[in-house]
Amino acid sequence: MDKVWEDFFTDFRVKNDWQKSAEFLLNKNRLAESIQIMQMHTYPYSDWITWIYTHFAPVHPESLQKFISDLVSEVQTTSNHTFRRNLLNALRYLKNEDDFPGFYDFLLEIIGSPRELHAARVNAILLIEEWYLKSYPELIPEVKELIEISGYDESPSLRAAKKNFYKFEKKVLKF
Protein backbone atom coordinates (compact mmCIF):
# COMPACT_ATOMS: atom_id res chain seq x y z
CA MET A 1 0.00 0.00 0.00
CA ASP A 2 1.39 3.38 -0.95
CA LYS A 3 1.91 6.44 1.23
CA VAL A 4 -1.27 8.17 0.00
CA TRP A 5 -3.41 5.27 1.21
CA GLU A 6 -1.47 4.97 4.47
CA ASP A 7 -2.11 8.66 5.17
CA PHE A 8 -5.78 8.26 4.26
CA PHE A 9 -6.23 5.33 6.65
CA THR A 10 -4.37 7.11 9.45
CA ASP A 11 -6.71 10.08 9.08
CA PHE A 12 -9.80 7.87 8.69
CA ARG A 13 -8.99 5.86 11.81
CA VAL A 14 -8.99 9.04 13.88
CA LYS A 15 -11.80 11.07 12.28
CA ASN A 16 -14.18 8.67 10.46
CA ASP A 17 -14.97 11.56 8.14
CA TRP A 18 -17.36 10.04 5.59
CA GLN A 19 -17.47 13.09 3.33
CA LYS A 20 -13.70 13.27 3.16
CA SER A 21 -13.56 9.53 2.51
CA ALA A 22 -15.98 9.91 -0.40
CA GLU A 23 -13.96 12.75 -1.87
CA PHE A 24 -10.81 10.65 -1.58
CA LEU A 25 -12.41 7.66 -3.34
CA LEU A 26 -13.82 9.83 -6.12
CA ASN A 27 -10.40 11.32 -6.83
CA LYS A 28 -8.22 9.74 -9.54
CA ASN A 29 -8.60 5.96 -9.74
CA ARG A 30 -8.95 5.41 -6.01
CA LEU A 31 -12.30 3.66 -6.09
CA ALA A 32 -10.78 0.91 -8.25
CA GLU A 33 -7.78 0.83 -5.90
CA SER A 34 -10.14 0.47 -2.93
CA ILE A 35 -11.68 -2.63 -4.54
CA GLN A 36 -8.19 -4.12 -4.79
CA ILE A 37 -7.49 -3.28 -1.14
CA MET A 38 -10.78 -4.95 -0.16
CA GLN A 39 -9.86 -8.06 -2.16
CA MET A 40 -6.47 -8.32 -0.43
CA HIS A 41 -8.23 -9.07 2.88
CA THR A 42 -5.63 -7.18 4.88
CA TYR A 43 -6.98 -6.36 8.32
CA PRO A 44 -8.01 -3.69 9.24
CA TYR A 45 -7.77 -1.86 5.90
CA SER A 46 -10.04 -4.17 3.93
CA ASP A 47 -12.67 -4.08 6.66
CA TRP A 48 -12.49 -0.29 6.76
CA ILE A 49 -13.00 -0.12 2.99
CA THR A 50 -16.21 -2.14 3.23
CA TRP A 51 -17.34 0.08 6.11
CA ILE A 52 -16.68 3.16 3.98
CA TYR A 53 -18.78 1.60 1.20
CA THR A 54 -21.80 1.50 3.54
CA HIS A 55 -21.66 5.31 3.71
CA PHE A 56 -20.43 5.85 0.15
CA ALA A 57 -23.04 3.73 -1.69
CA PRO A 58 -26.15 5.69 -0.62
CA VAL A 59 -24.60 8.99 -1.76
CA HIS A 60 -22.59 7.82 -4.81
CA PRO A 61 -24.25 4.64 -6.08
CA GLU A 62 -23.43 5.45 -9.71
CA SER A 63 -19.69 5.48 -8.93
CA LEU A 64 -19.76 2.13 -7.15
CA GLN A 65 -22.13 0.55 -9.72
CA LYS A 66 -19.33 -0.41 -12.13
CA PHE A 67 -17.82 -2.59 -9.38
CA ILE A 68 -21.04 -4.45 -8.58
CA SER A 69 -19.69 -7.78 -9.85
CA ASP A 70 -16.65 -7.49 -7.59
CA LEU A 71 -18.85 -6.69 -4.59
CA VAL A 72 -21.29 -9.54 -5.27
CA SER A 73 -18.43 -11.98 -5.78
CA GLU A 74 -16.79 -10.86 -2.56
CA VAL A 75 -19.96 -11.12 -0.48
CA GLN A 76 -20.54 -14.65 -1.81
CA THR A 77 -17.03 -15.93 -1.18
CA THR A 78 -16.01 -14.25 2.06
CA SER A 79 -16.21 -15.83 5.47
CA ASN A 80 -15.54 -12.44 7.06
CA HIS A 81 -18.74 -11.37 8.83
CA THR A 82 -17.79 -7.69 8.69
CA PHE A 83 -17.36 -7.87 4.92
CA ARG A 84 -20.64 -9.70 4.49
CA ARG A 85 -22.63 -7.29 6.67
CA ASN A 86 -21.12 -4.18 5.09
CA LEU A 87 -21.29 -5.34 1.49
CA LEU A 88 -24.90 -6.54 1.79
CA ASN A 89 -25.72 -3.07 3.10
CA ALA A 90 -23.85 -1.26 0.32
CA LEU A 91 -25.32 -3.42 -2.44
CA ARG A 92 -28.85 -2.26 -1.51
CA TYR A 93 -28.11 1.09 -3.11
CA LEU A 94 -26.87 -0.34 -6.40
CA LYS A 95 -29.01 -1.49 -9.30
CA ASN A 96 -29.24 -5.20 -9.97
CA GLU A 97 -28.59 -4.81 -13.69
CA ASP A 98 -26.77 -8.10 -14.14
CA ASP A 99 -27.80 -11.66 -13.64
CA PHE A 100 -25.85 -13.07 -10.73
CA PRO A 101 -26.58 -16.79 -10.89
CA GLY A 102 -27.45 -18.21 -7.50
CA PHE A 103 -27.40 -14.87 -5.70
CA TYR A 104 -31.09 -14.96 -4.78
CA ASP A 105 -30.61 -18.42 -3.24
CA PHE A 106 -27.46 -17.19 -1.52
CA LEU A 107 -29.47 -14.39 0.12
CA LEU A 108 -32.10 -16.92 1.21
CA GLU A 109 -29.35 -18.99 2.87
CA ILE A 110 -28.15 -15.97 4.84
CA ILE A 111 -31.68 -15.01 5.88
CA GLY A 112 -32.36 -18.52 7.15
CA SER A 113 -28.99 -19.27 8.71
CA PRO A 114 -28.68 -19.14 12.51
CA ARG A 115 -24.87 -19.19 12.01
CA GLU A 116 -24.94 -15.77 10.33
CA LEU A 117 -24.64 -12.72 12.53
CA HIS A 118 -27.87 -10.81 12.95
CA ALA A 119 -26.75 -7.71 11.03
CA ALA A 120 -25.93 -9.80 7.95
CA ARG A 121 -29.34 -11.48 8.12
CA VAL A 122 -31.10 -8.12 8.42
CA ASN A 123 -29.10 -6.64 5.53
CA ALA A 124 -29.84 -9.72 3.40
CA ILE A 125 -33.56 -9.14 3.93
CA LEU A 126 -33.24 -5.49 2.93
CA LEU A 127 -31.23 -6.42 -0.16
CA ILE A 128 -33.60 -9.18 -1.26
CA GLU A 129 -36.49 -6.75 -0.89
CA GLU A 130 -34.77 -4.14 -3.03
CA TRP A 131 -33.31 -6.39 -5.72
CA TYR A 132 -35.93 -9.09 -6.06
CA LEU A 133 -39.18 -8.72 -4.14
CA LYS A 134 -40.14 -5.27 -5.44
CA SER A 135 -39.93 -6.64 -8.99
CA TYR A 136 -41.19 -10.15 -8.24
CA PRO A 137 -43.72 -9.87 -5.40
CA GLU A 138 -44.76 -13.46 -6.00
CA LEU A 139 -41.52 -14.42 -4.17
CA ILE A 140 -42.62 -12.68 -0.96
CA PRO A 141 -44.37 -15.76 0.54
CA GLU A 142 -41.17 -17.80 0.20
CA VAL A 143 -39.11 -15.20 2.06
CA LYS A 144 -41.86 -14.64 4.64
CA GLU A 145 -42.03 -18.35 5.44
CA LEU A 146 -38.26 -18.52 5.79
CA ILE A 147 -38.29 -15.58 8.21
CA GLU A 148 -41.10 -17.16 10.22
CA ILE A 149 -39.28 -20.48 10.68
CA SER A 150 -35.76 -19.12 11.17
CA GLY A 151 -35.70 -17.77 14.73
CA TYR A 152 -36.46 -14.12 14.10
CA ASP A 153 -37.83 -13.75 17.61
CA GLU A 154 -34.48 -14.36 19.33
CA SER A 155 -33.16 -10.78 19.33
CA PRO A 156 -34.46 -7.23 19.07
CA SER A 157 -32.75 -6.65 15.71
CA LEU A 158 -34.24 -9.79 14.17
CA ARG A 159 -37.69 -9.03 15.60
CA ALA A 160 -37.48 -5.55 14.08
CA ALA A 161 -36.41 -7.02 10.74
CA LYS A 162 -39.37 -9.39 10.82
CA LYS A 163 -41.77 -6.56 11.68
CA ASN A 164 -40.32 -4.35 8.93
CA PHE A 165 -40.60 -7.19 6.44
CA TYR A 166 -44.32 -7.49 7.23
CA LYS A 167 -44.69 -3.74 6.61
CA PHE A 168 -42.84 -4.15 3.32
CA GLU A 169 -45.13 -7.02 2.36
CA LYS A 170 -48.27 -4.98 3.07
CA LYS A 171 -46.95 -2.02 1.09
CA VAL A 172 -45.95 -4.09 -1.93
CA LEU A 173 -48.99 -6.34 -1.95
CA LYS A 174 -51.28 -3.48 -0.82
CA PHE A 175 -53.45 -5.44 1.57
C-alpha atoms as a PDB file:
ATOM      1  CA  MET A   1       0.000   0.000   0.000  1.00  0.00           C
ATOM      2  CA  ASP A   2       1.390   3.376  -0.952  1.00  0.00           C
ATOM      3  CA  LYS A   3       1.907   6.444   1.227  1.00  0.00           C
ATOM      4  CA  VAL A   4      -1.273   8.175   0.001  1.00  0.00           C
ATOM      5  CA  TRP A   5      -3.414   5.269   1.206  1.00  0.00           C
ATOM      6  CA  GLU A   6      -1.473   4.966   4.465  1.00  0.00           C
ATOM      7  CA  ASP A   7      -2.108   8.656   5.172  1.00  0.00           C
ATOM      8  CA  PHE A   8      -5.777   8.257   4.258  1.00  0.00           C
ATOM      9  CA  PHE A   9      -6.233   5.329   6.654  1.00  0.00           C
ATOM     10  CA  THR A  10      -4.369   7.114   9.447  1.00  0.00           C
ATOM     11  CA  ASP A  11      -6.712  10.079   9.080  1.00  0.00           C
ATOM     12  CA  PHE A  12      -9.799   7.868   8.691  1.00  0.00           C
ATOM     13  CA  ARG A  13      -8.995   5.857  11.806  1.00  0.00           C
ATOM     14  CA  VAL A  14      -8.994   9.044  13.875  1.00  0.00           C
ATOM     15  CA  LYS A  15     -11.803  11.065  12.283  1.00  0.00           C
ATOM     16  CA  ASN A  16     -14.183   8.667  10.461  1.00  0.00           C
ATOM     17  CA  ASP A  17     -14.971  11.564   8.139  1.00  0.00           C
ATOM     18  CA  TRP A  18     -17.357  10.036   5.593  1.00  0.00           C
ATOM     19  CA  GLN A  19     -17.470  13.089   3.333  1.00  0.00           C
ATOM     20  CA  LYS A  20     -13.697  13.275   3.160  1.00  0.00           C
ATOM     21  CA  SER A  21     -13.562   9.525   2.512  1.00  0.00           C
ATOM     22  CA  ALA A  22     -15.979   9.907  -0.397  1.00  0.00           C
ATOM     23  CA  GLU A  23     -13.961  12.748  -1.870  1.00  0.00           C
ATOM     24  CA  PHE A  24     -10.811  10.652  -1.576  1.00  0.00           C
ATOM     25  CA  LEU A  25     -12.410   7.660  -3.342  1.00  0.00           C
ATOM     26  CA  LEU A  26     -13.821   9.827  -6.124  1.00  0.00           C
ATOM     27  CA  ASN A  27     -10.396  11.319  -6.833  1.00  0.00           C
ATOM     28  CA  LYS A  28      -8.223   9.744  -9.542  1.00  0.00           C
ATOM     29  CA  ASN A  29      -8.600   5.958  -9.735  1.00  0.00           C
ATOM     30  CA  ARG A  30      -8.954   5.414  -6.011  1.00  0.00           C
ATOM     31  CA  LEU A  31     -12.304   3.661  -6.091  1.00  0.00           C
ATOM     32  CA  ALA A  32     -10.775   0.912  -8.252  1.00  0.00           C
ATOM     33  CA  GLU A  33      -7.781   0.829  -5.902  1.00  0.00           C
ATOM     34  CA  SER A  34     -10.144   0.473  -2.927  1.00  0.00           C
ATOM     35  CA  ILE A  35     -11.679  -2.626  -4.543  1.00  0.00           C
ATOM     36  CA  GLN A  36      -8.189  -4.115  -4.792  1.00  0.00           C
ATOM     37  CA  ILE A  37      -7.495  -3.282  -1.139  1.00  0.00           C
ATOM     38  CA  MET A  38     -10.776  -4.954  -0.159  1.00  0.00           C
ATOM     39  CA  GLN A  39      -9.864  -8.059  -2.159  1.00  0.00           C
ATOM     40  CA  MET A  40      -6.472  -8.322  -0.434  1.00  0.00           C
ATOM     41  CA  HIS A  41      -8.225  -9.073   2.880  1.00  0.00           C
ATOM     42  CA  THR A  42      -5.631  -7.181   4.878  1.00  0.00           C
ATOM     43  CA  TYR A  43      -6.981  -6.357   8.324  1.00  0.00           C
ATOM     44  CA  PRO A  44      -8.012  -3.687   9.244  1.00  0.00           C
ATOM     45  CA  TYR A  45      -7.770  -1.858   5.901  1.00  0.00           C
ATOM     46  CA  SER A  46     -10.036  -4.172   3.926  1.00  0.00           C
ATOM     47  CA  ASP A  47     -12.668  -4.078   6.665  1.00  0.00           C
ATOM     48  CA  TRP A  48     -12.493  -0.288   6.759  1.00  0.00           C
ATOM     49  CA  ILE A  49     -12.998  -0.117   2.990  1.00  0.00           C
ATOM     50  CA  THR A  50     -16.211  -2.136   3.228  1.00  0.00           C
ATOM     51  CA  TRP A  51     -17.342   0.083   6.108  1.00  0.00           C
ATOM     52  CA  ILE A  52     -16.684   3.165   3.983  1.00  0.00           C
ATOM     53  CA  TYR A  53     -18.784   1.599   1.197  1.00  0.00           C
ATOM     54  CA  THR A  54     -21.800   1.496   3.545  1.00  0.00           C
ATOM     55  CA  HIS A  55     -21.658   5.308   3.710  1.00  0.00           C
ATOM     56  CA  PHE A  56     -20.434   5.851   0.154  1.00  0.00           C
ATOM     57  CA  ALA A  57     -23.040   3.731  -1.689  1.00  0.00           C
ATOM     58  CA  PRO A  58     -26.148   5.693  -0.618  1.00  0.00           C
ATOM     59  CA  VAL A  59     -24.605   8.991  -1.756  1.00  0.00           C
ATOM     60  CA  HIS A  60     -22.594   7.824  -4.815  1.00  0.00           C
ATOM     61  CA  PRO A  61     -24.253   4.637  -6.080  1.00  0.00           C
ATOM     62  CA  GLU A  62     -23.431   5.449  -9.711  1.00  0.00           C
ATOM     63  CA  SER A  63     -19.694   5.479  -8.928  1.00  0.00           C
ATOM     64  CA  LEU A  64     -19.758   2.126  -7.149  1.00  0.00           C
ATOM     65  CA  GLN A  65     -22.129   0.552  -9.724  1.00  0.00           C
ATOM     66  CA  LYS A  66     -19.332  -0.412 -12.127  1.00  0.00           C
ATOM     67  CA  PHE A  67     -17.818  -2.585  -9.379  1.00  0.00           C
ATOM     68  CA  ILE A  68     -21.038  -4.449  -8.578  1.00  0.00           C
ATOM     69  CA  SER A  69     -19.692  -7.779  -9.849  1.00  0.00           C
ATOM     70  CA  ASP A  70     -16.652  -7.491  -7.588  1.00  0.00           C
ATOM     71  CA  LEU A  71     -18.846  -6.689  -4.592  1.00  0.00           C
ATOM     72  CA  VAL A  72     -21.294  -9.537  -5.268  1.00  0.00           C
ATOM     73  CA  SER A  73     -18.426 -11.976  -5.783  1.00  0.00           C
ATOM     74  CA  GLU A  74     -16.786 -10.858  -2.557  1.00  0.00           C
ATOM     75  CA  VAL A  75     -19.957 -11.124  -0.484  1.00  0.00           C
ATOM     76  CA  GLN A  76     -20.535 -14.653  -1.810  1.00  0.00           C
ATOM     77  CA  THR A  77     -17.029 -15.927  -1.176  1.00  0.00           C
ATOM     78  CA  THR A  78     -16.012 -14.251   2.058  1.00  0.00           C
ATOM     79  CA  SER A  79     -16.209 -15.834   5.473  1.00  0.00           C
ATOM     80  CA  ASN A  80     -15.539 -12.439   7.062  1.00  0.00           C
ATOM     81  CA  HIS A  81     -18.739 -11.370   8.832  1.00  0.00           C
ATOM     82  CA  THR A  82     -17.785  -7.688   8.694  1.00  0.00           C
ATOM     83  CA  PHE A  83     -17.362  -7.871   4.921  1.00  0.00           C
ATOM     84  CA  ARG A  84     -20.642  -9.703   4.493  1.00  0.00           C
ATOM     85  CA  ARG A  85     -22.626  -7.287   6.674  1.00  0.00           C
ATOM     86  CA  ASN A  86     -21.121  -4.181   5.091  1.00  0.00           C
ATOM     87  CA  LEU A  87     -21.294  -5.344   1.492  1.00  0.00           C
ATOM     88  CA  LEU A  88     -24.896  -6.535   1.794  1.00  0.00           C
ATOM     89  CA  ASN A  89     -25.715  -3.072   3.100  1.00  0.00           C
ATOM     90  CA  ALA A  90     -23.848  -1.256   0.320  1.00  0.00           C
ATOM     91  CA  LEU A  91     -25.322  -3.418  -2.445  1.00  0.00           C
ATOM     92  CA  ARG A  92     -28.852  -2.264  -1.507  1.00  0.00           C
ATOM     93  CA  TYR A  93     -28.111   1.091  -3.106  1.00  0.00           C
ATOM     94  CA  LEU A  94     -26.867  -0.339  -6.399  1.00  0.00           C
ATOM     95  CA  LYS A  95     -29.011  -1.494  -9.300  1.00  0.00           C
ATOM     96  CA  ASN A  96     -29.244  -5.198  -9.971  1.00  0.00           C
ATOM     97  CA  GLU A  97     -28.593  -4.812 -13.693  1.00  0.00           C
ATOM     98  CA  ASP A  98     -26.769  -8.100 -14.137  1.00  0.00           C
ATOM     99  CA  ASP A  99     -27.803 -11.658 -13.642  1.00  0.00           C
ATOM    100  CA  PHE A 100     -25.854 -13.065 -10.730  1.00  0.00           C
ATOM    101  CA  PRO A 101     -26.576 -16.793 -10.891  1.00  0.00           C
ATOM    102  CA  GLY A 102     -27.452 -18.212  -7.503  1.00  0.00           C
ATOM    103  CA  PHE A 103     -27.397 -14.873  -5.696  1.00  0.00           C
ATOM    104  CA  TYR A 104     -31.089 -14.960  -4.780  1.00  0.00           C
ATOM    105  CA  ASP A 105     -30.613 -18.417  -3.241  1.00  0.00           C
ATOM    106  CA  PHE A 106     -27.458 -17.190  -1.515  1.00  0.00           C
ATOM    107  CA  LEU A 107     -29.471 -14.394   0.121  1.00  0.00           C
ATOM    108  CA  LEU A 108     -32.100 -16.921   1.210  1.00  0.00           C
ATOM    109  CA  GLU A 109     -29.355 -18.985   2.866  1.00  0.00           C
ATOM    110  CA  ILE A 110     -28.149 -15.969   4.842  1.00  0.00           C
ATOM    111  CA  ILE A 111     -31.676 -15.008   5.881  1.00  0.00           C
ATOM    112  CA  GLY A 112     -32.359 -18.516   7.150  1.00  0.00           C
ATOM    113  CA  SER A 113     -28.987 -19.271   8.711  1.00  0.00           C
ATOM    114  CA  PRO A 114     -28.680 -19.145  12.507  1.00  0.00           C
ATOM    115  CA  ARG A 115     -24.872 -19.186  12.006  1.00  0.00           C
ATOM    116  CA  GLU A 116     -24.940 -15.770  10.331  1.00  0.00           C
ATOM    117  CA  LEU A 117     -24.640 -12.724  12.535  1.00  0.00           C
ATOM    118  CA  HIS A 118     -27.872 -10.805  12.951  1.00  0.00           C
ATOM    119  CA  ALA A 119     -26.754  -7.712  11.029  1.00  0.00           C
ATOM    120  CA  ALA A 120     -25.929  -9.796   7.946  1.00  0.00           C
ATOM    121  CA  ARG A 121     -29.336 -11.479   8.115  1.00  0.00           C
ATOM    122  CA  VAL A 122     -31.098  -8.119   8.423  1.00  0.00           C
ATOM    123  CA  ASN A 123     -29.101  -6.645   5.530  1.00  0.00           C
ATOM    124  CA  ALA A 124     -29.837  -9.719   3.401  1.00  0.00           C
ATOM    125  CA  ILE A 125     -33.563  -9.137   3.932  1.00  0.00           C
ATOM    126  CA  LEU A 126     -33.239  -5.491   2.929  1.00  0.00           C
ATOM    127  CA  LEU A 127     -31.231  -6.419  -0.163  1.00  0.00           C
ATOM    128  CA  ILE A 128     -33.604  -9.180  -1.265  1.00  0.00           C
ATOM    129  CA  GLU A 129     -36.495  -6.748  -0.895  1.00  0.00           C
ATOM    130  CA  GLU A 130     -34.773  -4.136  -3.026  1.00  0.00           C
ATOM    131  CA  TRP A 131     -33.310  -6.385  -5.724  1.00  0.00           C
ATOM    132  CA  TYR A 132     -35.929  -9.088  -6.059  1.00  0.00           C
ATOM    133  CA  LEU A 133     -39.180  -8.715  -4.142  1.00  0.00           C
ATOM    134  CA  LYS A 134     -40.136  -5.274  -5.442  1.00  0.00           C
ATOM    135  CA  SER A 135     -39.927  -6.637  -8.986  1.00  0.00           C
ATOM    136  CA  TYR A 136     -41.187 -10.147  -8.237  1.00  0.00           C
ATOM    137  CA  PRO A 137     -43.720  -9.866  -5.396  1.00  0.00           C
ATOM    138  CA  GLU A 138     -44.757 -13.463  -5.998  1.00  0.00           C
ATOM    139  CA  LEU A 139     -41.521 -14.421  -4.174  1.00  0.00           C
ATOM    140  CA  ILE A 140     -42.624 -12.683  -0.957  1.00  0.00           C
ATOM    141  CA  PRO A 141     -44.372 -15.763   0.544  1.00  0.00           C
ATOM    142  CA  GLU A 142     -41.167 -17.805   0.204  1.00  0.00           C
ATOM    143  CA  VAL A 143     -39.113 -15.203   2.058  1.00  0.00           C
ATOM    144  CA  LYS A 144     -41.863 -14.644   4.635  1.00  0.00           C
ATOM    145  CA  GLU A 145     -42.025 -18.351   5.441  1.00  0.00           C
ATOM    146  CA  LEU A 146     -38.256 -18.517   5.792  1.00  0.00           C
ATOM    147  CA  ILE A 147     -38.292 -15.580   8.214  1.00  0.00           C
ATOM    148  CA  GLU A 148     -41.102 -17.160  10.218  1.00  0.00           C
ATOM    149  CA  ILE A 149     -39.280 -20.479  10.682  1.00  0.00           C
ATOM    150  CA  SER A 150     -35.763 -19.123  11.170  1.00  0.00           C
ATOM    151  CA  GLY A 151     -35.702 -17.767  14.725  1.00  0.00           C
ATOM    152  CA  TYR A 152     -36.460 -14.116  14.095  1.00  0.00           C
ATOM    153  CA  ASP A 153     -37.826 -13.747  17.614  1.00  0.00           C
ATOM    154  CA  GLU A 154     -34.482 -14.358  19.325  1.00  0.00           C
ATOM    155  CA  SER A 155     -33.162 -10.784  19.327  1.00  0.00           C
ATOM    156  CA  PRO A 156     -34.458  -7.227  19.069  1.00  0.00           C
ATOM    157  CA  SER A 157     -32.747  -6.651  15.706  1.00  0.00           C
ATOM    158  CA  LEU A 158     -34.238  -9.788  14.170  1.00  0.00           C
ATOM    159  CA  ARG A 159     -37.688  -9.028  15.600  1.00  0.00           C
ATOM    160  CA  ALA A 160     -37.480  -5.550  14.080  1.00  0.00           C
ATOM    161  CA  ALA A 161     -36.410  -7.020  10.738  1.00  0.00           C
ATOM    162  CA  LYS A 162     -39.374  -9.390  10.818  1.00  0.00           C
ATOM    163  CA  LYS A 163     -41.771  -6.555  11.683  1.00  0.00           C
ATOM    164  CA  ASN A 164     -40.323  -4.348   8.931  1.00  0.00           C
ATOM    165  CA  PHE A 165     -40.604  -7.189   6.438  1.00  0.00           C
ATOM    166  CA  TYR A 166     -44.322  -7.494   7.231  1.00  0.00           C
ATOM    167  CA  LYS A 167     -44.691  -3.740   6.612  1.00  0.00           C
ATOM    168  CA  PHE A 168     -42.843  -4.145   3.322  1.00  0.00           C
ATOM    169  CA  GLU A 169     -45.131  -7.020   2.360  1.00  0.00           C
ATOM    170  CA  LYS A 170     -48.275  -4.981   3.066  1.00  0.00           C
ATOM    171  CA  LYS A 171     -46.952  -2.022   1.092  1.00  0.00           C
ATOM    172  CA  VAL A 172     -45.954  -4.093  -1.925  1.00  0.00           C
ATOM    173  CA  LEU A 173     -48.993  -6.340  -1.949  1.00  0.00           C
ATOM    174  CA  LYS A 174     -51.281  -3.481  -0.823  1.00  0.00           C
ATOM    175  CA  PHE A 175     -53.453  -5.440   1.569  1.00  0.00           C
END
